[in-house]
């Protein structure tokens, strides 16, 4: 940054130095032609201060872009690994549903655990969805179900886990969301409907 300030000062001094101004190309500003040397100096200083600020902003943007490139450069690869985690979880759940146990299931569970630990080291973590309010930023609703036990717009089932990469959504969670139970119109009885509405036997 010191070199930038030096360059700015050099340019500013060149702009306002009376020795380097030509009377043909850069006539000296006087009260007769609408300005003063002090005003020209102030304009030049403002101009180069803006240039220095713009360069500083550019440098910060470049550093941020470089940091994001490092943090999210492997995003595509990591997203392709998520179906493997899904399949391991399905295999574990199917084995438990079938009442299977033993070294094979333990091996699959250990592999699944190590897989999550490995991707966790590069910034991946699972989203918590069950029982939370539906958020379109992190959830993908695939169906709605009527419920009297939970509030509307609450996640009641998770079909596919969602994942974050640092603070960015890597994959939204695929969920089912509760909605209000619809009031069905009860059919009228023959007594309520009267003779015209009733069925004559």
C-alpha atoms as a PDB file:
ATOM      1  CA  UNK A   1       0.000   0.000   0.000  1.00  0.00           C
ATOM      2  CA  UNK A   2       2.975   2.276   0.623  1.00  0.00           C
ATOM      3  CA  UNK A   3       3.900   2.093  -3.067  1.00  0.00           C
ATOM      4  CA  UNK A   4       0.346   3.103  -3.998  1.00  0.00           C
ATOM      5  CA  UNK A   5       0.487   6.135  -1.699  1.00  0.00           C
ATOM      6  CA  UNK A   6       3.885   7.105  -3.114  1.00  0.00           C
ATOM      7  CA  UNK A   7       2.546   6.789  -6.657  1.00  0.00           C
ATOM      8  CA  UNK A   8      -0.480   8.865  -5.697  1.00  0.00           C
ATOM      9  CA  UNK A   9       1.686  11.577  -4.184  1.00  0.00           C
ATOM     10  CA  UNK A  10       3.974  11.577  -7.207  1.00  0.00           C
ATOM     11  CA  UNK A  11       1.049  11.893  -9.602  1.00  0.00           C
ATOM     12  CA  UNK A  12      -0.506  14.601  -7.474  1.00  0.00           C
ATOM     13  CA  UNK A  13       2.761  16.538  -7.371  1.00  0.00           C
ATOM     14  CA  UNK A  14       3.133  16.210 -11.134  1.00  0.00           C
ATOM     15  CA  UNK A  15      -0.386  17.488 -11.618  1.00  0.00           C
ATOM     16  CA  UNK A  16       0.084  20.642  -9.587  1.00  0.00           C
ATOM     17  CA  UNK A  17       3.842  21.400  -9.981  1.00  0.00           C
ATOM     18  CA  UNK A  18       4.135  24.828 -11.599  1.00  0.00           C
ATOM     19  CA  UNK A  19       7.569  23.972 -13.083  1.00  0.00           C
ATOM     20  CA  UNK A  20       6.149  21.072 -15.149  1.00  0.00           C
ATOM     21  CA  UNK A  21       3.050  22.905 -16.396  1.00  0.00           C
ATOM     22  CA  UNK A  22       3.283  24.197 -19.911  1.00  0.00           C
ATOM     23  CA  UNK A  23       1.641  27.533 -20.665  1.00  0.00           C
ATOM     24  CA  UNK A  24       0.356  26.060 -23.934  1.00  0.00           C
ATOM     25  CA  UNK A  25      -1.055  22.707 -22.781  1.00  0.00           C
ATOM     26  CA  UNK A  26      -1.745  23.425 -19.098  1.00  0.00           C
ATOM     27  CA  UNK A  27      -2.227  27.121 -18.465  1.00  0.00           C
ATOM     28  CA  UNK A  28      -1.921  28.190 -14.830  1.00  0.00           C
ATOM     29  CA  UNK A  29      -5.323  28.752 -13.274  1.00  0.00           C
ATOM     30  CA  UNK A  30      -5.796  32.306 -12.097  1.00  0.00           C
ATOM     31  CA  UNK A  31      -8.742  34.317 -10.772  1.00  0.00           C
ATOM     32  CA  UNK A  32      -9.132  35.748 -14.288  1.00  0.00           C
ATOM     33  CA  UNK A  33      -9.936  32.317 -15.852  1.00  0.00           C
ATOM     34  CA  UNK A  34     -12.203  31.143 -13.038  1.00  0.00           C
ATOM     35  CA  UNK A  35     -10.018  29.325 -10.490  1.00  0.00           C
ATOM     36  CA  UNK A  36      -7.034  29.272  -8.204  1.00  0.00           C
ATOM     37  CA  UNK A  37      -4.029  27.057  -7.787  1.00  0.00           C
ATOM     38  CA  UNK A  38      -5.334  25.946  -4.400  1.00  0.00           C
ATOM     39  CA  UNK A  39      -8.606  24.791  -5.954  1.00  0.00           C
ATOM     40  CA  UNK A  40      -6.743  22.855  -8.637  1.00  0.00           C
ATOM     41  CA  UNK A  41      -4.626  21.232  -5.925  1.00  0.00           C
ATOM     42  CA  UNK A  42      -7.728  20.238  -3.957  1.00  0.00           C
ATOM     43  CA  UNK A  43      -9.347  18.738  -7.068  1.00  0.00           C
ATOM     44  CA  UNK A  44      -6.210  16.735  -7.834  1.00  0.00           C
ATOM     45  CA  UNK A  45      -5.960  15.465  -4.270  1.00  0.00           C
ATOM     46  CA  UNK A  46      -9.606  14.380  -4.270  1.00  0.00           C
ATOM     47  CA  UNK A  47      -9.150  12.645  -7.594  1.00  0.00           C
ATOM     48  CA  UNK A  48      -6.192  10.564  -6.498  1.00  0.00           C
ATOM     49  CA  UNK A  49      -7.684   9.792  -3.105  1.00  0.00           C
ATOM     50  CA  UNK A  50     -10.654   8.297  -4.944  1.00  0.00           C
ATOM     51  CA  UNK A  51      -8.312   6.298  -7.154  1.00  0.00           C
ATOM     52  CA  UNK A  52      -6.462   4.993  -4.097  1.00  0.00           C
ATOM     53  CA  UNK A  53      -9.766   4.016  -2.429  1.00  0.00           C
ATOM     54  CA  UNK A  54     -10.940   2.249  -5.577  1.00  0.00           C
ATOM     55  CA  UNK A  55      -7.698   0.292  -5.750  1.00  0.00           C
ATOM     56  CA  UNK A  56      -8.014  -0.702  -2.084  1.00  0.00           C
ATOM     57  CA  UNK A  57     -11.569  -1.935  -2.707  1.00  0.00           C
ATOM     58  CA  UNK A  58     -10.390  -3.876  -5.746  1.00  0.00           C
ATOM     59  CA  UNK A  59      -7.627  -5.494  -3.697  1.00  0.00           C
ATOM     60  CA  UNK A  60     -10.120  -6.542  -1.011  1.00  0.00           C
ATOM     61  CA  UNK A  61     -12.489  -7.994  -3.597  1.00  0.00           C
ATOM     62  CA  UNK A  62      -9.637  -9.932  -5.178  1.00  0.00           C
ATOM     63  CA  UNK A  63      -8.602 -11.317  -1.780  1.00  0.00           C
ATOM     64  CA  UNK A  64     -12.201 -12.319  -1.009  1.00  0.00           C
ATOM     65  CA  UNK A  65     -12.577 -14.014  -4.396  1.00  0.00           C
ATOM     66  CA  UNK A  66      -9.322 -15.893  -3.830  1.00  0.00           C
ATOM     67  CA  UNK A  67     -10.491 -17.004  -0.382  1.00  0.00           C
ATOM     68  CA  UNK A  68     -13.855 -18.189  -1.770  1.00  0.00           C
ATOM     69  CA  UNK A  69     -12.074 -20.045  -4.534  1.00  0.00           C
ATOM     70  CA  UNK A  70     -10.040 -21.951  -1.948  1.00  0.00           C
ATOM     71  CA  UNK A  71     -13.022 -22.662   0.334  1.00  0.00           C
ATOM     72  CA  UNK A  72     -15.460 -23.702  -2.402  1.00  0.00           C
ATOM     73  CA  UNK A  73     -13.110 -24.897  -5.139  1.00  0.00           C
ATOM     74  CA  UNK A  74     -13.969 -28.560  -4.475  1.00  0.00           C
ATOM     75  CA  UNK A  75     -17.735 -27.941  -4.225  1.00  0.00           C
ATOM     76  CA  UNK A  76     -18.579 -29.998  -7.325  1.00  0.00           C
ATOM     77  CA  UNK A  77     -16.551 -32.996  -6.134  1.00  0.00           C
ATOM     78  CA  UNK A  78     -18.070 -32.904  -2.659  1.00  0.00           C
ATOM     79  CA  UNK A  79     -21.594 -32.699  -4.071  1.00  0.00           C
ATOM     80  CA  UNK A  80     -20.919 -35.858  -6.073  1.00  0.00           C
ATOM     81  CA  UNK A  81     -19.936 -37.668  -2.862  1.00  0.00           C
ATOM     82  CA  UNK A  82     -23.287 -37.032  -1.157  1.00  0.00           C
ATOM     83  CA  UNK A  83     -25.151 -39.892  -2.950  1.00  0.00           C
ATOM     84  CA  UNK A  84     -22.555 -42.300  -1.525  1.00  0.00           C
ATOM     85  CA  UNK A  85     -23.414 -41.120   1.988  1.00  0.00           C
ATOM     86  CA  UNK A  86     -27.117 -41.498   1.127  1.00  0.00           C
ATOM     87  CA  UNK A  87     -26.622 -45.080   0.003  1.00  0.00           C
ATOM     88  CA  UNK A  88     -24.668 -45.985   3.132  1.00  0.00           C
ATOM     89  CA  UNK A  89     -27.476 -44.587   5.276  1.00  0.00           C
ATOM     90  CA  UNK A  90     -30.097 -46.512   3.278  1.00  0.00           C
ATOM     91  CA  UNK A  91     -28.113 -49.728   3.677  1.00  0.00           C
ATOM     92  CA  UNK A  92     -27.877 -49.211   7.439  1.00  0.00           C
ATOM     93  CA  UNK A  93     -31.585 -48.455   7.736  1.00  0.00           C
ATOM     94  CA  UNK A  94     -32.604 -51.456   5.614  1.00  0.00           C
ATOM     95  CA  UNK A  95     -30.417 -53.754   7.708  1.00  0.00           C
ATOM     96  CA  UNK A  96     -31.955 -52.456  10.928  1.00  0.00           C
ATOM     97  CA  UNK A  97     -35.491 -52.767   9.551  1.00  0.00           C
ATOM     98  CA  UNK A  98     -34.755 -56.391   8.605  1.00  0.00           C
ATOM     99  CA  UNK A  99     -33.374 -57.105  12.049  1.00  0.00           C
ATOM    100  CA  UNK A 100     -29.896 -57.745  10.688  1.00  0.00           C
ATOM    101  CA  UNK A 101     -26.919 -57.339  12.987  1.00  0.00           C
ATOM    102  CA  UNK A 102     -23.321 -58.443  13.150  1.00  0.00           C
ATOM    103  CA  UNK A 103     -19.913 -57.486  11.793  1.00  0.00           C
ATOM    104  CA  UNK A 104     -21.214 -56.530   8.332  1.00  0.00           C
ATOM    105  CA  UNK A 105     -23.628 -53.902   9.662  1.00  0.00           C
ATOM    106  CA  UNK A 106     -21.014 -52.633  12.093  1.00  0.00           C
ATOM    107  CA  UNK A 107     -18.556 -52.268   9.217  1.00  0.00           C
ATOM    108  CA  UNK A 108     -21.029 -50.257   7.142  1.00  0.00           C
ATOM    109  CA  UNK A 109     -21.826 -48.021  10.117  1.00  0.00           C
ATOM    110  CA  UNK A 110     -18.126 -47.448  10.744  1.00  0.00           C
ATOM    111  CA  UNK A 111     -17.571 -46.580   7.079  1.00  0.00           C
ATOM    112  CA  UNK A 112     -20.471 -44.135   7.199  1.00  0.00           C
ATOM    113  CA  UNK A 113     -19.120 -42.505  10.345  1.00  0.00           C
ATOM    114  CA  UNK A 114     -15.621 -42.115   8.913  1.00  0.00           C
ATOM    115  CA  UNK A 115     -17.060 -40.711   5.693  1.00  0.00           C
ATOM    116  CA  UNK A 116     -18.938 -38.002   7.602  1.00  0.00           C
ATOM    117  CA  UNK A 117     -15.851 -37.191   9.674  1.00  0.00           C
ATOM    118  CA  UNK A 118     -13.735 -36.882   6.528  1.00  0.00           C
ATOM    119  CA  UNK A 119     -16.072 -34.517   4.667  1.00  0.00           C
ATOM    120  CA  UNK A 120     -16.615 -32.622   7.908  1.00  0.00           C
ATOM    121  CA  UNK A 121     -12.936 -31.690   7.929  1.00  0.00           C
ATOM    122  CA  UNK A 122     -13.420 -29.750   4.679  1.00  0.00           C
ATOM    123  CA  UNK A 123     -16.474 -27.866   5.943  1.00  0.00           C
ATOM    124  CA  UNK A 124     -19.457 -30.129   5.191  1.00  0.00           C
ATOM    125  CA  UNK A 125     -22.167 -30.590   7.810  1.00  0.00           C
ATOM    126  CA  UNK A 126     -25.676 -31.987   7.761  1.00  0.00           C
ATOM    127  CA  UNK A 127     -28.723 -29.780   8.088  1.00  0.00           C
ATOM    128  CA  UNK A 128     -31.132 -30.302  10.966  1.00  0.00           C
ATOM    129  CA  UNK A 129     -34.641 -30.397   9.525  1.00  0.00           C
ATOM    130  CA  UNK A 130     -37.073 -32.601  11.431  1.00  0.00           C
ATOM    131  CA  UNK A 131     -39.523 -30.566  13.510  1.00  0.00           C
ATOM    132  CA  UNK A 132     -38.185 -27.243  12.202  1.00  0.00           C
ATOM    133  CA  UNK A 133     -40.178 -24.668  10.294  1.00  0.00           C
ATOM    134  CA  UNK A 134     -39.977 -24.953   6.525  1.00  0.00           C
ATOM    135  CA  UNK A 135     -37.299 -22.668   5.065  1.00  0.00           C
ATOM    136  CA  UNK A 136     -37.163 -22.485   1.259  1.00  0.00           C
ATOM    137  CA  UNK A 137     -33.498 -21.466   1.471  1.00  0.00           C
ATOM    138  CA  UNK A 138     -32.466 -24.860   2.889  1.00  0.00           C
ATOM    139  CA  UNK A 139     -35.478 -27.111   2.256  1.00  0.00           C
ATOM    140  CA  UNK A 140     -37.065 -28.516  -0.859  1.00  0.00           C
ATOM    141  CA  UNK A 141     -40.691 -29.466  -0.193  1.00  0.00           C
ATOM    142  CA  UNK A 142     -41.805 -32.421  -2.293  1.00  0.00           C
ATOM    143  CA  UNK A 143     -45.152 -33.015  -0.612  1.00  0.00           C
ATOM    144  CA  UNK A 144     -47.559 -31.655   1.997  1.00  0.00           C
ATOM    145  CA  UNK A 145     -49.470 -33.717   4.510  1.00  0.00           C
ATOM    146  CA  UNK A 146     -52.424 -32.782   6.701  1.00  0.00           C
ATOM    147  CA  UNK A 147     -51.688 -32.898  10.386  1.00  0.00           C
ATOM    148  CA  UNK A 148     -53.488 -32.070  13.617  1.00  0.00           C
ATOM    149  CA  UNK A 149     -50.495 -32.731  15.862  1.00  0.00           C
ATOM    150  CA  UNK A 150     -47.935 -30.221  14.506  1.00  0.00           C
ATOM    151  CA  UNK A 151     -48.143 -26.631  13.375  1.00  0.00           C
ATOM    152  CA  UNK A 152     -48.604 -25.887   9.674  1.00  0.00           C
ATOM    153  CA  UNK A 153     -45.422 -25.324   7.683  1.00  0.00           C
ATOM    154  CA  UNK A 154     -43.457 -27.711   9.916  1.00  0.00           C
ATOM    155  CA  UNK A 155     -41.128 -30.355   8.490  1.00  0.00           C
ATOM    156  CA  UNK A 156     -42.626 -33.757   9.373  1.00  0.00           C
ATOM    157  CA  UNK A 157     -40.564 -36.119   7.218  1.00  0.00           C
ATOM    158  CA  UNK A 158     -37.141 -36.077   5.590  1.00  0.00           C
ATOM    159  CA  UNK A 159     -36.630 -37.995   2.360  1.00  0.00           C
ATOM    160  CA  UNK A 160     -33.085 -36.818   1.687  1.00  0.00           C
ATOM    161  CA  UNK A 161     -30.661 -35.053   4.005  1.00  0.00           C
ATOM    162  CA  UNK A 162     -29.462 -31.548   3.237  1.00  0.00           C
ATOM    163  CA  UNK A 163     -25.849 -30.385   3.562  1.00  0.00           C
ATOM    164  CA  UNK A 164     -23.955 -27.134   4.057  1.00  0.00           C
ATOM    165  CA  UNK A 165     -20.463 -26.382   2.762  1.00  0.00           C
ATOM    166  CA  UNK A 166     -19.179 -23.815   5.250  1.00  0.00           C
ATOM    167  CA  UNK A 167     -22.010 -21.240   5.134  1.00  0.00           C
ATOM    168  CA  UNK A 168     -23.291 -22.140   1.664  1.00  0.00           C
ATOM    169  CA  UNK A 169     -26.030 -24.629   0.790  1.00  0.00           C
ATOM    170  CA  UNK A 170     -24.447 -27.636  -0.897  1.00  0.00           C
ATOM    171  CA  UNK A 171     -27.722 -29.522  -1.249  1.00  0.00           C
ATOM    172  CA  UNK A 172     -31.158 -28.629   0.162  1.00  0.00           C
ATOM    173  CA  UNK A 173     -32.998 -31.166   2.261  1.00  0.00           C
ATOM    174  CA  UNK A 174     -35.884 -32.949   0.517  1.00  0.00           C
ATOM    175  CA  UNK A 175     -38.788 -32.883   2.979  1.00  0.00           C
ATOM    176  CA  UNK A 176     -42.499 -33.250   3.584  1.00  0.00           C
ATOM    177  CA  UNK A 177     -44.281 -30.300   5.185  1.00  0.00           C
ATOM    178  CA  UNK A 178     -47.376 -30.223   7.377  1.00  0.00           C
ATOM    179  CA  UNK A 179     -50.464 -28.245   6.424  1.00  0.00           C
ATOM    180  CA  UNK A 180     -53.771 -27.526   8.091  1.00  0.00           C
ATOM    181  CA  UNK A 181     -56.312 -30.325   8.036  1.00  0.00           C
ATOM    182  CA  UNK A 182     -59.043 -29.434   5.602  1.00  0.00           C
ATOM    183  CA  UNK A 183     -62.617 -29.262   6.874  1.00  0.00           C
ATOM    184  CA  UNK A 184     -64.635 -31.801   4.922  1.00  0.00           C
ATOM    185  CA  UNK A 185     -68.348 -31.129   4.473  1.00  0.00           C
ATOM    186  CA  UNK A 186     -70.320 -33.816   6.224  1.00  0.00           C
ATOM    187  CA  UNK A 187     -73.068 -35.426   4.092  1.00  0.00           C
ATOM    188  CA  UNK A 188     -76.572 -34.473   5.133  1.00  0.00           C
ATOM    189  CA  UNK A 189     -78.847 -37.163   6.611  1.00  0.00           C
ATOM    190  CA  UNK A 190     -82.362 -37.727   5.311  1.00  0.00           C
ATOM    191  CA  UNK A 191     -83.782 -35.994   8.382  1.00  0.00           C
ATOM    192  CA  UNK A 192     -81.563 -32.897   7.890  1.00  0.00           C
ATOM    193  CA  UNK A 193     -82.182 -32.733   4.143  1.00  0.00           C
ATOM    194  CA  UNK A 194     -85.959 -33.032   4.366  1.00  0.00           C
ATOM    195  CA  UNK A 195     -88.285 -34.895   2.082  1.00  0.00           C
ATOM    196  CA  UNK A 196     -86.795 -33.512  -1.137  1.00  0.00           C
ATOM    197  CA  UNK A 197     -83.229 -34.395  -0.153  1.00  0.00           C
ATOM    198  CA  UNK A 198     -84.082 -37.741   1.412  1.00  0.00           C
ATOM    199  CA  UNK A 199     -84.150 -41.029  -0.430  1.00  0.00           C
ATOM    200  CA  UNK A 200     -87.621 -42.448  -0.803  1.00  0.00           C
ATOM    201  CA  UNK A 201     -87.805 -46.199  -0.228  1.00  0.00           C
END
